[in-house]
Amino acid sequence: MPVRYQPTPNPNAGKFVVGRPVIEGDASRSYFSADQAASDPLAAALFEIDGVQSLFMVDDFVTVMKTADADWSTLVPRVTSTIEESLP
C-alpha cells in the first residue's frame, strides 16, 4: 500500500499514512532531533532529509514537523520514498 500524505491544520505538520504499523501496539514515539532518533532506523532516515524538524510516530502513520523555510512540495516526495524504502 503506498504512503499517503495528508495536510493537517498546522501548516508546518504533515501526516503520512503508511497503511501498516510503524509502531507496534498502543505506544507512540516522538523525536525532536537526529540524536534522539538514532536508534530508530525509520526516524533516523527521516531526519537525514533537510527540513525535517521533529517526528511523531504512532500506529500506522508518521507526523512530520517541518522547519519554517522547508516546502511541502519538496518534502512530501522525499518523506514518502524514505518511509516506503525504510519499512519492510
PDB file of N, CA and C in Angstrom:
ATOM      1  N   MET A   1       0.848  -1.176   0.000  1.00  0.00           N
ATOM      2  CA  MET A   1       0.000   0.000   0.000  1.00  0.00           C
ATOM      3  C   MET A   1       0.895   1.241   0.000  1.00  0.00           C
ATOM      4  N   PRO A   2       0.658   2.181  -0.875  1.00  0.00           N
ATOM      5  CA  PRO A   2       1.503   3.379  -0.921  1.00  0.00           C
ATOM      6  C   PRO A   2       1.250   4.304   0.269  1.00  0.00           C
ATOM      7  N   VAL A   3       2.273   5.045   0.626  1.00  0.00           N
ATOM      8  CA  VAL A   3       2.167   6.043   1.682  1.00  0.00           C
ATOM      9  C   VAL A   3       1.354   7.219   1.146  1.00  0.00           C
ATOM     10  N   ARG A   4       0.410   7.708   1.975  1.00  0.00           N
ATOM     11  CA  ARG A   4      -0.429   8.842   1.573  1.00  0.00           C
ATOM     12  C   ARG A   4      -0.140  10.043   2.470  1.00  0.00           C
ATOM     13  N   TYR A   5       0.043  11.186   1.854  1.00  0.00           N
ATOM     14  CA  TYR A   5       0.251  12.430   2.593  1.00  0.00           C
ATOM     15  C   TYR A   5      -1.092  13.095   2.857  1.00  0.00           C
ATOM     16  N   GLN A   6      -1.262  13.585   4.082  1.00  0.00           N
ATOM     17  CA  GLN A   6      -2.454  14.346   4.441  1.00  0.00           C
ATOM     18  C   GLN A   6      -2.016  15.631   5.145  1.00  0.00           C
ATOM     19  N   PRO A   7      -2.423  16.795   4.631  1.00  0.00           N
ATOM     20  CA  PRO A   7      -2.123  18.033   5.360  1.00  0.00           C
ATOM     21  C   PRO A   7      -2.868  18.046   6.689  1.00  0.00           C
ATOM     22  N   THR A   8      -2.387  18.841   7.610  1.00  0.00           N
ATOM     23  CA  THR A   8      -3.024  18.987   8.916  1.00  0.00           C
ATOM     24  C   THR A   8      -3.389  20.463   9.109  1.00  0.00           C
ATOM     25  N   PRO A   9      -4.141  20.780  10.151  1.00  0.00           N
ATOM     26  CA  PRO A   9      -4.453  22.189  10.407  1.00  0.00           C
ATOM     27  C   PRO A   9      -3.192  23.048  10.644  1.00  0.00           C
ATOM     28  N   ASN A  10      -2.136  22.414  11.104  1.00  0.00           N
ATOM     29  CA  ASN A  10      -0.869  23.124  11.306  1.00  0.00           C
ATOM     30  C   ASN A  10      -0.105  23.102   9.983  1.00  0.00           C
ATOM     31  N   PRO A  11       0.178  24.245   9.380  1.00  0.00           N
ATOM     32  CA  PRO A  11       0.847  24.262   8.078  1.00  0.00           C
ATOM     33  C   PRO A  11       2.274  23.711   8.104  1.00  0.00           C
ATOM     34  N   ASN A  12       2.854  23.565   9.287  1.00  0.00           N
ATOM     35  CA  ASN A  12       4.198  23.007   9.392  1.00  0.00           C
ATOM     36  C   ASN A  12       4.205  21.529   9.747  1.00  0.00           C
ATOM     37  N   ALA A  13       3.024  20.905   9.825  1.00  0.00           N
ATOM     38  CA  ALA A  13       2.916  19.488  10.146  1.00  0.00           C
ATOM     39  C   ALA A  13       2.199  18.754   9.028  1.00  0.00           C
ATOM     40  N   GLY A  14       2.715  17.604   8.661  1.00  0.00           N
ATOM     41  CA  GLY A  14       2.083  16.762   7.656  1.00  0.00           C
ATOM     42  C   GLY A  14       1.977  15.335   8.155  1.00  0.00           C
ATOM     43  N   LYS A  15       0.874  14.698   7.864  1.00  0.00           N
ATOM     44  CA  LYS A  15       0.622  13.324   8.295  1.00  0.00           C
ATOM     45  C   LYS A  15       0.864  12.395   7.114  1.00  0.00           C
ATOM     46  N   PHE A  16       1.656  11.361   7.332  1.00  0.00           N
ATOM     47  CA  PHE A  16       1.949  10.377   6.308  1.00  0.00           C
ATOM     48  C   PHE A  16       1.377   9.037   6.760  1.00  0.00           C
ATOM     49  N   VAL A  17       0.284   8.632   6.130  1.00  0.00           N
ATOM     50  CA  VAL A  17      -0.412   7.394   6.480  1.00  0.00           C
ATOM     51  C   VAL A  17       0.259   6.259   5.725  1.00  0.00           C
ATOM     52  N   VAL A  18       0.738   5.288   6.481  1.00  0.00           N
ATOM     53  CA  VAL A  18       1.547   4.218   5.918  1.00  0.00           C
ATOM     54  C   VAL A  18       0.700   3.014   5.512  1.00  0.00           C
ATOM     55  N   GLY A  19      -0.373   2.739   6.243  1.00  0.00           N
ATOM     56  CA  GLY A  19      -1.223   1.604   5.905  1.00  0.00           C
ATOM     57  C   GLY A  19      -0.766   0.298   6.522  1.00  0.00           C
ATOM     58  N   ARG A  20       0.271   0.362   7.326  1.00  0.00           N
ATOM     59  CA  ARG A  20       0.736  -0.794   8.108  1.00  0.00           C
ATOM     60  C   ARG A  20       1.435  -0.216   9.337  1.00  0.00           C
ATOM     61  N   PRO A  21       1.559  -0.993  10.391  1.00  0.00           N
ATOM     62  CA  PRO A  21       2.111  -0.431  11.632  1.00  0.00           C
ATOM     63  C   PRO A  21       3.539   0.090  11.473  1.00  0.00           C
ATOM     64  N   VAL A  22       3.765   1.285  12.006  1.00  0.00           N
ATOM     65  CA  VAL A  22       5.125   1.803  12.126  1.00  0.00           C
ATOM     66  C   VAL A  22       5.582   1.681  13.577  1.00  0.00           C
ATOM     67  N   ILE A  23       4.607   1.577  14.478  1.00  0.00           N
ATOM     68  CA  ILE A  23       4.837   1.353  15.903  1.00  0.00           C
ATOM     69  C   ILE A  23       3.874   0.251  16.333  1.00  0.00           C
ATOM     70  N   GLU A  24       4.391  -0.729  17.030  1.00  0.00           N
ATOM     71  CA  GLU A  24       3.538  -1.828  17.480  1.00  0.00           C
ATOM     72  C   GLU A  24       2.725  -1.433  18.709  1.00  0.00           C
ATOM     73  N   GLY A  25       1.504  -1.920  18.784  1.00  0.00           N
ATOM     74  CA  GLY A  25       0.658  -1.708  19.951  1.00  0.00           C
ATOM     75  C   GLY A  25       0.159  -0.280  20.071  1.00  0.00           C
ATOM     76  N   ASP A  26      -0.072   0.145  21.304  1.00  0.00           N
ATOM     77  CA  ASP A  26      -0.631   1.470  21.573  1.00  0.00           C
ATOM     78  C   ASP A  26       0.448   2.515  21.837  1.00  0.00           C
ATOM     79  N   ALA A  27       1.687   2.143  21.703  1.00  0.00           N
ATOM     80  CA  ALA A  27       2.787   3.065  22.002  1.00  0.00           C
ATOM     81  C   ALA A  27       2.887   4.148  20.928  1.00  0.00           C
ATOM     82  N   SER A  28       3.585   5.208  21.261  1.00  0.00           N
ATOM     83  CA  SER A  28       3.917   6.250  20.293  1.00  0.00           C
ATOM     84  C   SER A  28       5.353   6.680  20.571  1.00  0.00           C
ATOM     85  N   ARG A  29       5.939   7.328  19.581  1.00  0.00           N
ATOM     86  CA  ARG A  29       7.299   7.844  19.749  1.00  0.00           C
ATOM     87  C   ARG A  29       7.355   9.253  19.177  1.00  0.00           C
ATOM     88  N   SER A  30       8.041  10.118  19.880  1.00  0.00           N
ATOM     89  CA  SER A  30       8.298  11.472  19.409  1.00  0.00           C
ATOM     90  C   SER A  30       9.799  11.695  19.402  1.00  0.00           C
ATOM     91  N   TYR A  31      10.281  12.322  18.347  1.00  0.00           N
ATOM     92  CA  TYR A  31      11.702  12.634  18.230  1.00  0.00           C
ATOM     93  C   TYR A  31      11.841  14.104  17.856  1.00  0.00           C
ATOM     94  N   PHE A  32      12.763  14.777  18.537  1.00  0.00           N
ATOM     95  CA  PHE A  32      12.970  16.201  18.301  1.00  0.00           C
ATOM     96  C   PHE A  32      14.362  16.512  17.764  1.00  0.00           C
ATOM     97  N   SER A  33      15.151  15.461  17.526  1.00  0.00           N
ATOM     98  CA  SER A  33      16.488  15.643  16.965  1.00  0.00           C
ATOM     99  C   SER A  33      16.961  14.333  16.353  1.00  0.00           C
ATOM    100  N   ALA A  34      17.942  14.440  15.492  1.00  0.00           N
ATOM    101  CA  ALA A  34      18.539  13.241  14.891  1.00  0.00           C
ATOM    102  C   ALA A  34      19.190  12.380  15.958  1.00  0.00           C
ATOM    103  N   ASP A  35      19.777  13.000  16.979  1.00  0.00           N
ATOM    104  CA  ASP A  35      20.401  12.226  18.056  1.00  0.00           C
ATOM    105  C   ASP A  35      19.370  11.371  18.786  1.00  0.00           C
ATOM    106  N   GLN A  36      18.205  11.931  19.073  1.00  0.00           N
ATOM    107  CA  GLN A  36      17.145  11.159  19.733  1.00  0.00           C
ATOM    108  C   GLN A  36      16.676  10.006  18.861  1.00  0.00           C
ATOM    109  N   ALA A  37      16.691  10.196  17.543  1.00  0.00           N
ATOM    110  CA  ALA A  37      16.159   9.209  16.608  1.00  0.00           C
ATOM    111  C   ALA A  37      17.183   8.164  16.183  1.00  0.00           C
ATOM    112  N   ALA A  38      18.402   8.269  16.657  1.00  0.00           N
ATOM    113  CA  ALA A  38      19.491   7.424  16.165  1.00  0.00           C
ATOM    114  C   ALA A  38      19.214   5.924  16.282  1.00  0.00           C
ATOM    115  N   SER A  39      18.476   5.499  17.291  1.00  0.00           N
ATOM    116  CA  SER A  39      18.235   4.063  17.476  1.00  0.00           C
ATOM    117  C   SER A  39      17.011   3.550  16.710  1.00  0.00           C
ATOM    118  N   ASP A  40      16.292   4.431  16.049  1.00  0.00           N
ATOM    119  CA  ASP A  40      15.106   4.051  15.278  1.00  0.00           C
ATOM    120  C   ASP A  40      15.429   4.231  13.796  1.00  0.00           C
ATOM    121  N   PRO A  41      15.562   3.150  13.032  1.00  0.00           N
ATOM    122  CA  PRO A  41      16.004   3.267  11.636  1.00  0.00           C
ATOM    123  C   PRO A  41      15.128   4.168  10.771  1.00  0.00           C
ATOM    124  N   LEU A  42      13.813   4.087  10.907  1.00  0.00           N
ATOM    125  CA  LEU A  42      12.930   4.935  10.109  1.00  0.00           C
ATOM    126  C   LEU A  42      13.101   6.398  10.500  1.00  0.00           C
ATOM    127  N   ALA A  43      13.055   6.691  11.784  1.00  0.00           N
ATOM    128  CA  ALA A  43      13.188   8.072  12.242  1.00  0.00           C
ATOM    129  C   ALA A  43      14.555   8.638  11.862  1.00  0.00           C
ATOM    130  N   ALA A  44      15.600   7.850  12.007  1.00  0.00           N
ATOM    131  CA  ALA A  44      16.941   8.320  11.648  1.00  0.00           C
ATOM    132  C   ALA A  44      17.005   8.675  10.166  1.00  0.00           C
ATOM    133  N   ALA A  45      16.406   7.840   9.335  1.00  0.00           N
ATOM    134  CA  ALA A  45      16.397   8.105   7.888  1.00  0.00           C
ATOM    135  C   ALA A  45      15.614   9.381   7.572  1.00  0.00           C
ATOM    136  N   LEU A  46      14.510   9.603   8.264  1.00  0.00           N
ATOM    137  CA  LEU A  46      13.712  10.805   8.022  1.00  0.00           C
ATOM    138  C   LEU A  46      14.462  12.070   8.444  1.00  0.00           C
ATOM    139  N   PHE A  47      15.234  11.989   9.522  1.00  0.00           N
ATOM    140  CA  PHE A  47      15.997  13.157   9.962  1.00  0.00           C
ATOM    141  C   PHE A  47      17.141  13.496   9.002  1.00  0.00           C
ATOM    142  N   GLU A  48      17.483  12.605   8.112  1.00  0.00           N
ATOM    143  CA  GLU A  48      18.502  12.911   7.104  1.00  0.00           C
ATOM    144  C   GLU A  48      17.965  13.852   6.021  1.00  0.00           C
ATOM    145  N   ILE A  49      16.667  14.036   5.975  1.00  0.00           N
ATOM    146  CA  ILE A  49      16.039  14.910   4.978  1.00  0.00           C
ATOM    147  C   ILE A  49      16.083  16.351   5.486  1.00  0.00           C
ATOM    148  N   ASP A  50      16.667  17.235   4.700  1.00  0.00           N
ATOM    149  CA  ASP A  50      16.693  18.649   5.061  1.00  0.00           C
ATOM    150  C   ASP A  50      15.273  19.171   5.210  1.00  0.00           C
ATOM    151  N   GLY A  51      15.022  19.857   6.299  1.00  0.00           N
ATOM    152  CA  GLY A  51      13.706  20.445   6.530  1.00  0.00           C
ATOM    153  C   GLY A  51      12.868  19.697   7.545  1.00  0.00           C
ATOM    154  N   VAL A  52      13.274  18.478   7.928  1.00  0.00           N
ATOM    155  CA  VAL A  52      12.540  17.730   8.954  1.00  0.00           C
ATOM    156  C   VAL A  52      12.987  18.240  10.321  1.00  0.00           C
ATOM    157  N   GLN A  53      12.026  18.708  11.115  1.00  0.00           N
ATOM    158  CA  GLN A  53      12.326  19.282  12.421  1.00  0.00           C
ATOM    159  C   GLN A  53      12.040  18.322  13.562  1.00  0.00           C
ATOM    160  N   SER A  54      10.902  17.602  13.484  1.00  0.00           N
ATOM    161  CA  SER A  54      10.555  16.638  14.512  1.00  0.00           C
ATOM    162  C   SER A  54       9.590  15.608  13.930  1.00  0.00           C
ATOM    163  N   LEU A  55       9.427  14.503  14.672  1.00  0.00           N
ATOM    164  CA  LEU A  55       8.577  13.400  14.210  1.00  0.00           C
ATOM    165  C   LEU A  55       7.699  12.906  15.349  1.00  0.00           C
ATOM    166  N   PHE A  56       6.487  12.493  15.001  1.00  0.00           N
ATOM    167  CA  PHE A  56       5.596  11.795  15.912  1.00  0.00           C
ATOM    168  C   PHE A  56       5.149  10.540  15.180  1.00  0.00           C
ATOM    169  N   MET A  57       5.367   9.388  15.794  1.00  0.00           N
ATOM    170  CA  MET A  57       5.038   8.114  15.149  1.00  0.00           C
ATOM    171  C   MET A  57       4.110   7.321  16.059  1.00  0.00           C
ATOM    172  N   VAL A  58       3.018   6.836  15.479  1.00  0.00           N
ATOM    173  CA  VAL A  58       2.065   6.027  16.231  1.00  0.00           C
ATOM    174  C   VAL A  58       1.286   5.163  15.248  1.00  0.00           C
ATOM    175  N   ASP A  59       0.932   3.980  15.672  1.00  0.00           N
ATOM    176  CA  ASP A  59       0.109   3.070  14.885  1.00  0.00           C
ATOM    177  C   ASP A  59       0.590   2.980  13.435  1.00  0.00           C
ATOM    178  N   ASP A  60      -0.180   3.517  12.495  1.00  0.00           N
ATOM    179  CA  ASP A  60       0.146   3.361  11.076  1.00  0.00           C
ATOM    180  C   ASP A  60       0.439   4.686  10.382  1.00  0.00           C
ATOM    181  N   PHE A  61       0.896   5.679  11.153  1.00  0.00           N
ATOM    182  CA  PHE A  61       1.236   6.941  10.497  1.00  0.00           C
ATOM    183  C   PHE A  61       2.395   7.643  11.191  1.00  0.00           C
ATOM    184  N   VAL A  62       2.989   8.563  10.435  1.00  0.00           N
ATOM    185  CA  VAL A  62       4.085   9.403  10.916  1.00  0.00           C
ATOM    186  C   VAL A  62       3.677  10.853  10.667  1.00  0.00           C
ATOM    187  N   THR A  63       3.757  11.679  11.697  1.00  0.00           N
ATOM    188  CA  THR A  63       3.556  13.109  11.517  1.00  0.00           C
ATOM    189  C   THR A  63       4.928  13.765  11.508  1.00  0.00           C
ATOM    190  N   VAL A  64       5.174  14.525  10.450  1.00  0.00           N
ATOM    191  CA  VAL A  64       6.442  15.226  10.284  1.00  0.00           C
ATOM    192  C   VAL A  64       6.199  16.710  10.503  1.00  0.00           C
ATOM    193  N   MET A  65       6.987  17.297  11.387  1.00  0.00           N
ATOM    194  CA  MET A  65       7.014  18.753  11.541  1.00  0.00           C
ATOM    195  C   MET A  65       8.191  19.247  10.723  1.00  0.00           C
ATOM    196  N   LYS A  66       7.929  20.233   9.881  1.00  0.00           N
ATOM    197  CA  LYS A  66       8.987  20.775   9.031  1.00  0.00           C
ATOM    198  C   LYS A  66       9.482  22.104   9.589  1.00  0.00           C
ATOM    199  N   THR A  67      10.670  22.482   9.169  1.00  0.00           N
ATOM    200  CA  THR A  67      11.173  23.806   9.519  1.00  0.00           C
ATOM    201  C   THR A  67      10.367  24.849   8.747  1.00  0.00           C
ATOM    202  N   ALA A  68      10.366  26.069   9.226  1.00  0.00           N
ATOM    203  CA  ALA A  68       9.561  27.124   8.613  1.00  0.00           C
ATOM    204  C   ALA A  68       9.941  27.391   7.164  1.00  0.00           C
ATOM    205  N   ASP A  69      11.216  27.225   6.820  1.00  0.00           N
ATOM    206  CA  ASP A  69      11.658  27.527   5.458  1.00  0.00           C
ATOM    207  C   ASP A  69      11.537  26.347   4.496  1.00  0.00           C
ATOM    208  N   ALA A  70      11.185  25.174   4.997  1.00  0.00           N
ATOM    209  CA  ALA A  70      11.035  23.999   4.127  1.00  0.00           C
ATOM    210  C   ALA A  70       9.695  24.064   3.398  1.00  0.00           C
ATOM    211  N   ASP A  71       9.634  23.420   2.241  1.00  0.00           N
ATOM    212  CA  ASP A  71       8.437  23.439   1.409  1.00  0.00           C
ATOM    213  C   ASP A  71       7.889  22.016   1.256  1.00  0.00           C
ATOM    214  N   TRP A  72       6.578  21.875   1.452  1.00  0.00           N
ATOM    215  CA  TRP A  72       5.980  20.537   1.344  1.00  0.00           C
ATOM    216  C   TRP A  72       6.142  19.945  -0.052  1.00  0.00           C
ATOM    217  N   SER A  73       6.169  20.768  -1.078  1.00  0.00           N
ATOM    218  CA  SER A  73       6.302  20.217  -2.436  1.00  0.00           C
ATOM    219  C   SER A  73       7.624  19.469  -2.604  1.00  0.00           C
ATOM    220  N   THR A  74       8.633  19.839  -1.844  1.00  0.00           N
ATOM    221  CA  THR A  74       9.911  19.136  -1.860  1.00  0.00           C
ATOM    222  C   THR A  74       9.926  17.999  -0.845  1.00  0.00           C
ATOM    223  N   LEU A  75       9.369  18.257   0.332  1.00  0.00           N
ATOM    224  CA  LEU A  75       9.423  17.266   1.404  1.00  0.00           C
ATOM    225  C   LEU A  75       8.551  16.037   1.165  1.00  0.00           C
ATOM    226  N   VAL A  76       7.331  16.229   0.677  1.00  0.00           N
ATOM    227  CA  VAL A  76       6.400  15.103   0.558  1.00  0.00           C
ATOM    228  C   VAL A  76       6.988  13.940  -0.244  1.00  0.00           C
ATOM    229  N   PRO A  77       7.527  14.158  -1.447  1.00  0.00           N
ATOM    230  CA  PRO A  77       8.070  13.006  -2.170  1.00  0.00           C
ATOM    231  C   PRO A  77       9.278  12.371  -1.481  1.00  0.00           C
ATOM    232  N   ARG A  78      10.098  13.177  -0.832  1.00  0.00           N
ATOM    233  CA  ARG A  78      11.275  12.633  -0.157  1.00  0.00           C
ATOM    234  C   ARG A  78      10.879  11.835   1.079  1.00  0.00           C
ATOM    235  N   VAL A  79       9.953  12.366   1.874  1.00  0.00           N
ATOM    236  CA  VAL A  79       9.490  11.650   3.063  1.00  0.00           C
ATOM    237  C   VAL A  79       8.778  10.367   2.651  1.00  0.00           C
ATOM    238  N   THR A  80       7.919  10.466   1.655  1.00  0.00           N
ATOM    239  CA  THR A  80       7.179   9.292   1.185  1.00  0.00           C
ATOM    240  C   THR A  80       8.128   8.186   0.750  1.00  0.00           C
ATOM    241  N   SER A  81       9.108   8.507  -0.078  1.00  0.00           N
ATOM    242  CA  SER A  81      10.021   7.468  -0.565  1.00  0.00           C
ATOM    243  C   SER A  81      10.887   6.921   0.569  1.00  0.00           C
ATOM    244  N   THR A  82      11.273   7.761   1.511  1.00  0.00           N
ATOM    245  CA  THR A  82      12.075   7.280   2.645  1.00  0.00           C
ATOM    246  C   THR A  82      11.278   6.302   3.497  1.00  0.00           C
ATOM    247  N   ILE A  83      10.009   6.601   3.749  1.00  0.00           N
ATOM    248  CA  ILE A  83       9.174   5.681   4.523  1.00  0.00           C
ATOM    249  C   ILE A  83       9.019   4.366   3.762  1.00  0.00           C
ATOM    250  N   GLU A  84       8.693   4.442   2.480  1.00  0.00           N
ATOM    251  CA  GLU A  84       8.488   3.226   1.680  1.00  0.00           C
ATOM    252  C   GLU A  84       9.743   2.368   1.623  1.00  0.00           C
ATOM    253  N   GLU A  85      10.920   2.998   1.548  1.00  0.00           N
ATOM    254  CA  GLU A  85      12.177   2.253   1.458  1.00  0.00           C
ATOM    255  C   GLU A  85      12.642   1.727   2.816  1.00  0.00           C
ATOM    256  N   SER A  86      12.213   2.368   3.916  1.00  0.00           N
ATOM    257  CA  SER A  86      12.710   2.008   5.241  1.00  0.00           C
ATOM    258  C   SER A  86      11.896   0.944   5.946  1.00  0.00           C
ATOM    259  N   LEU A  87      10.647   0.757   5.537  1.00  0.00           N
ATOM    260  CA  LEU A  87       9.802  -0.249   6.189  1.00  0.00           C
ATOM    261  C   LEU A  87       9.795  -1.535   5.377  1.00  0.00           C
ATOM    262  N   PRO A  88       9.864  -2.657   6.085  1.00  0.00           N
ATOM    263  CA  PRO A  88       9.857  -3.952   5.361  1.00  0.00           C
ATOM    264  C   PRO A  88       8.556  -4.227   4.646  1.00  0.00           C
TER     265      PRO A  88
END
